[in-house]
């Protein structure tokens, strides 16, 4: 498969994968509620790492259940 074909395949699957991640992110933001401080969280490497781990964990669980879109 050529590089252009691989890129096209990834781009075709990206909306579904990103959609699943956005659902999880929205849930996490709702859970955090008023205590969420976007500005400081996005500047903090530790907070960004924490958000990444939470979202990745949630996505992997849904993927194993067959409910999340995956890159093929």
N, C-alpha and C. Protein backbone atom coordinates (compact mmCIF):
# COMPACT_ATOMS: atom_id res chain seq x y z
N UNK A 1 0.85 -1.17 0.00
CA UNK A 1 0.00 0.00 0.00
C UNK A 1 0.90 1.24 0.00
N UNK A 2 0.54 2.19 -0.78
CA UNK A 2 1.37 3.39 -0.87
C UNK A 2 1.14 4.30 0.32
N UNK A 3 2.05 5.20 0.51
CA UNK A 3 1.96 6.15 1.61
C UNK A 3 0.70 7.01 1.51
N UNK A 4 0.35 7.42 0.30
CA UNK A 4 -0.86 8.23 0.09
C UNK A 4 -2.11 7.43 0.42
N UNK A 5 -2.11 6.14 0.06
CA UNK A 5 -3.26 5.28 0.37
C UNK A 5 -3.40 5.08 1.88
N UNK A 6 -2.27 4.90 2.56
CA UNK A 6 -2.29 4.72 4.01
C UNK A 6 -2.83 5.97 4.70
N UNK A 7 -2.36 7.13 4.24
CA UNK A 7 -2.84 8.40 4.79
C UNK A 7 -4.34 8.56 4.59
N UNK A 8 -4.80 8.22 3.41
CA UNK A 8 -6.23 8.33 3.09
C UNK A 8 -7.05 7.39 3.98
N UNK A 9 -6.54 6.19 4.21
CA UNK A 9 -7.25 5.23 5.07
C UNK A 9 -7.34 5.74 6.50
N UNK A 10 -6.26 6.31 7.00
CA UNK A 10 -6.25 6.86 8.36
C UNK A 10 -7.20 8.04 8.46
N UNK A 11 -7.15 8.93 7.48
CA UNK A 11 -8.03 10.10 7.49
C UNK A 11 -9.50 9.71 7.40
N UNK A 12 -9.80 8.63 6.72
CA UNK A 12 -11.19 8.17 6.61
C UNK A 12 -11.71 7.64 7.94
N UNK A 13 -10.83 7.08 8.76
CA UNK A 13 -11.24 6.51 10.04
C UNK A 13 -11.16 7.50 11.19
N UNK A 14 -10.43 8.59 11.00
CA UNK A 14 -10.20 9.56 12.08
C UNK A 14 -11.49 10.15 12.66
N UNK A 15 -12.49 10.54 11.86
CA UNK A 15 -13.69 11.13 12.47
C UNK A 15 -14.39 10.22 13.48
N UNK A 16 -14.47 8.95 13.19
CA UNK A 16 -15.12 8.02 14.12
C UNK A 16 -14.32 7.88 15.42
N UNK A 17 -13.02 7.75 15.30
CA UNK A 17 -12.17 7.60 16.48
C UNK A 17 -12.20 8.88 17.32
N UNK A 18 -12.07 10.02 16.66
CA UNK A 18 -12.11 11.30 17.38
C UNK A 18 -13.47 11.54 18.01
N UNK A 19 -14.52 11.11 17.34
CA UNK A 19 -15.87 11.25 17.90
C UNK A 19 -16.00 10.48 19.20
N UNK A 20 -15.47 9.26 19.24
CA UNK A 20 -15.50 8.46 20.47
C UNK A 20 -14.72 9.15 21.58
N UNK A 21 -13.56 9.69 21.25
CA UNK A 21 -12.74 10.37 22.25
C UNK A 21 -13.42 11.64 22.77
N UNK A 22 -14.10 12.34 21.89
CA UNK A 22 -14.81 13.56 22.30
C UNK A 22 -15.97 13.26 23.25
N UNK A 23 -16.64 12.14 23.03
CA UNK A 23 -17.71 11.74 23.95
C UNK A 23 -17.12 11.52 25.34
N UNK A 24 -15.98 10.83 25.42
CA UNK A 24 -15.33 10.59 26.71
C UNK A 24 -14.85 11.89 27.34
N UNK A 25 -14.29 12.78 26.54
CA UNK A 25 -13.81 14.06 27.05
C UNK A 25 -14.97 14.89 27.61
N UNK A 26 -16.07 14.91 26.90
CA UNK A 26 -17.24 15.66 27.37
C UNK A 26 -17.71 15.11 28.72
N UNK A 27 -17.73 13.79 28.84
CA UNK A 27 -18.12 13.16 30.11
C UNK A 27 -17.18 13.57 31.24
N UNK A 28 -15.89 13.51 30.98
CA UNK A 28 -14.90 13.86 32.00
C UNK A 28 -15.02 15.33 32.41
N UNK A 29 -15.27 16.21 31.45
CA UNK A 29 -15.44 17.64 31.75
C UNK A 29 -16.67 17.84 32.62
N UNK A 30 -17.76 17.15 32.30
CA UNK A 30 -18.99 17.24 33.08
C UNK A 30 -18.75 16.74 34.51
N UNK A 31 -18.01 15.66 34.64
CA UNK A 31 -17.71 15.10 35.97
C UNK A 31 -16.89 16.07 36.82
N UNK A 32 -15.95 16.75 36.19
CA UNK A 32 -15.09 17.67 36.92
C UNK A 32 -15.85 18.93 37.35
N UNK A 33 -16.84 19.31 36.56
CA UNK A 33 -17.72 20.42 36.90
C UNK A 33 -17.01 21.74 37.10
N UNK A 34 -17.42 22.46 38.12
CA UNK A 34 -16.91 23.80 38.39
C UNK A 34 -15.43 23.80 38.79
N UNK A 35 -14.93 22.67 39.22
CA UNK A 35 -13.52 22.61 39.65
C UNK A 35 -12.55 22.59 38.46
N UNK A 36 -13.09 22.47 37.25
CA UNK A 36 -12.24 22.43 36.07
C UNK A 36 -11.70 23.82 35.74
N UNK A 37 -10.39 23.91 35.59
CA UNK A 37 -9.74 25.15 35.21
C UNK A 37 -8.96 24.88 33.93
N UNK A 38 -9.62 25.10 32.78
CA UNK A 38 -9.02 24.80 31.48
C UNK A 38 -7.64 25.42 31.33
N UNK A 39 -7.55 26.70 31.67
CA UNK A 39 -6.31 27.44 31.42
C UNK A 39 -5.11 26.82 32.14
N UNK A 40 -5.27 26.57 33.42
CA UNK A 40 -4.13 25.99 34.16
C UNK A 40 -3.94 24.51 33.83
N UNK A 41 -5.04 23.78 33.60
CA UNK A 41 -4.91 22.35 33.26
C UNK A 41 -4.12 22.16 31.97
N UNK A 42 -4.40 22.97 30.96
CA UNK A 42 -3.73 22.80 29.68
C UNK A 42 -2.29 23.29 29.69
N UNK A 43 -1.93 24.08 30.69
CA UNK A 43 -0.54 24.53 30.82
C UNK A 43 0.30 23.57 31.67
N UNK A 44 -0.36 22.72 32.40
CA UNK A 44 0.34 21.81 33.32
C UNK A 44 0.62 20.46 32.65
N UNK A 45 1.89 20.10 32.51
CA UNK A 45 2.22 18.79 31.92
C UNK A 45 1.61 17.63 32.70
N UNK A 46 1.54 17.77 34.02
CA UNK A 46 0.98 16.69 34.84
C UNK A 46 -0.51 16.53 34.58
N UNK A 47 -1.23 17.65 34.48
CA UNK A 47 -2.67 17.59 34.22
C UNK A 47 -2.95 17.06 32.81
N UNK A 48 -2.16 17.49 31.84
CA UNK A 48 -2.33 17.00 30.48
C UNK A 48 -2.09 15.49 30.45
N UNK A 49 -1.08 15.03 31.14
CA UNK A 49 -0.78 13.59 31.24
C UNK A 49 -1.93 12.86 31.90
N UNK A 50 -2.50 13.44 32.94
CA UNK A 50 -3.62 12.82 33.65
C UNK A 50 -4.85 12.72 32.73
N UNK A 51 -5.17 13.82 32.03
CA UNK A 51 -6.29 13.79 31.08
C UNK A 51 -6.07 12.73 30.01
N UNK A 52 -4.84 12.68 29.48
CA UNK A 52 -4.51 11.71 28.44
C UNK A 52 -4.73 10.29 28.95
N UNK A 53 -4.26 10.00 30.15
CA UNK A 53 -4.39 8.66 30.70
C UNK A 53 -5.84 8.26 30.93
N UNK A 54 -6.64 9.20 31.42
CA UNK A 54 -8.06 8.92 31.66
C UNK A 54 -8.76 8.63 30.34
N UNK A 55 -8.52 9.47 29.33
CA UNK A 55 -9.17 9.28 28.03
C UNK A 55 -8.70 8.01 27.34
N UNK A 56 -7.42 7.73 27.41
CA UNK A 56 -6.88 6.53 26.79
C UNK A 56 -7.43 5.27 27.45
N UNK A 57 -7.50 5.28 28.76
CA UNK A 57 -8.04 4.14 29.49
C UNK A 57 -9.50 3.89 29.11
N UNK A 58 -10.28 4.93 29.07
CA UNK A 58 -11.69 4.81 28.71
C UNK A 58 -11.85 4.31 27.28
N UNK A 59 -11.06 4.86 26.37
CA UNK A 59 -11.12 4.46 24.97
C UNK A 59 -10.73 2.99 24.81
N UNK A 60 -9.68 2.57 25.49
CA UNK A 60 -9.24 1.18 25.37
C UNK A 60 -10.29 0.22 25.91
N UNK A 61 -10.98 0.59 26.99
CA UNK A 61 -12.05 -0.27 27.52
C UNK A 61 -13.17 -0.42 26.50
N UNK A 62 -13.58 0.70 25.90
CA UNK A 62 -14.65 0.67 24.91
C UNK A 62 -14.22 -0.10 23.66
N UNK A 63 -12.95 0.02 23.29
CA UNK A 63 -12.42 -0.68 22.14
C UNK A 63 -12.47 -2.19 22.37
N UNK A 64 -12.09 -2.63 23.57
CA UNK A 64 -12.10 -4.06 23.89
C UNK A 64 -13.51 -4.63 23.90
N UNK A 65 -14.48 -3.79 24.24
CA UNK A 65 -15.88 -4.22 24.24
C UNK A 65 -16.46 -4.21 22.82
N UNK A 66 -15.70 -3.65 21.88
CA UNK A 66 -16.17 -3.56 20.51
C UNK A 66 -17.09 -2.38 20.26
N UNK A 67 -17.11 -1.43 21.20
CA UNK A 67 -18.01 -0.28 21.09
C UNK A 67 -17.33 0.96 20.49
N UNK A 68 -16.02 1.01 20.50
CA UNK A 68 -15.28 2.19 20.00
C UNK A 68 -14.72 1.88 18.62
N UNK A 69 -14.64 2.93 17.82
CA UNK A 69 -14.03 2.80 16.50
C UNK A 69 -12.52 2.61 16.67
N UNK A 70 -11.93 1.83 15.77
CA UNK A 70 -10.49 1.58 15.84
C UNK A 70 -9.86 1.83 14.48
N UNK A 71 -8.58 2.20 14.51
CA UNK A 71 -7.82 2.32 13.27
C UNK A 71 -7.47 0.90 12.81
N UNK A 72 -7.67 0.64 11.55
CA UNK A 72 -7.37 -0.70 11.01
C UNK A 72 -6.09 -0.67 10.22
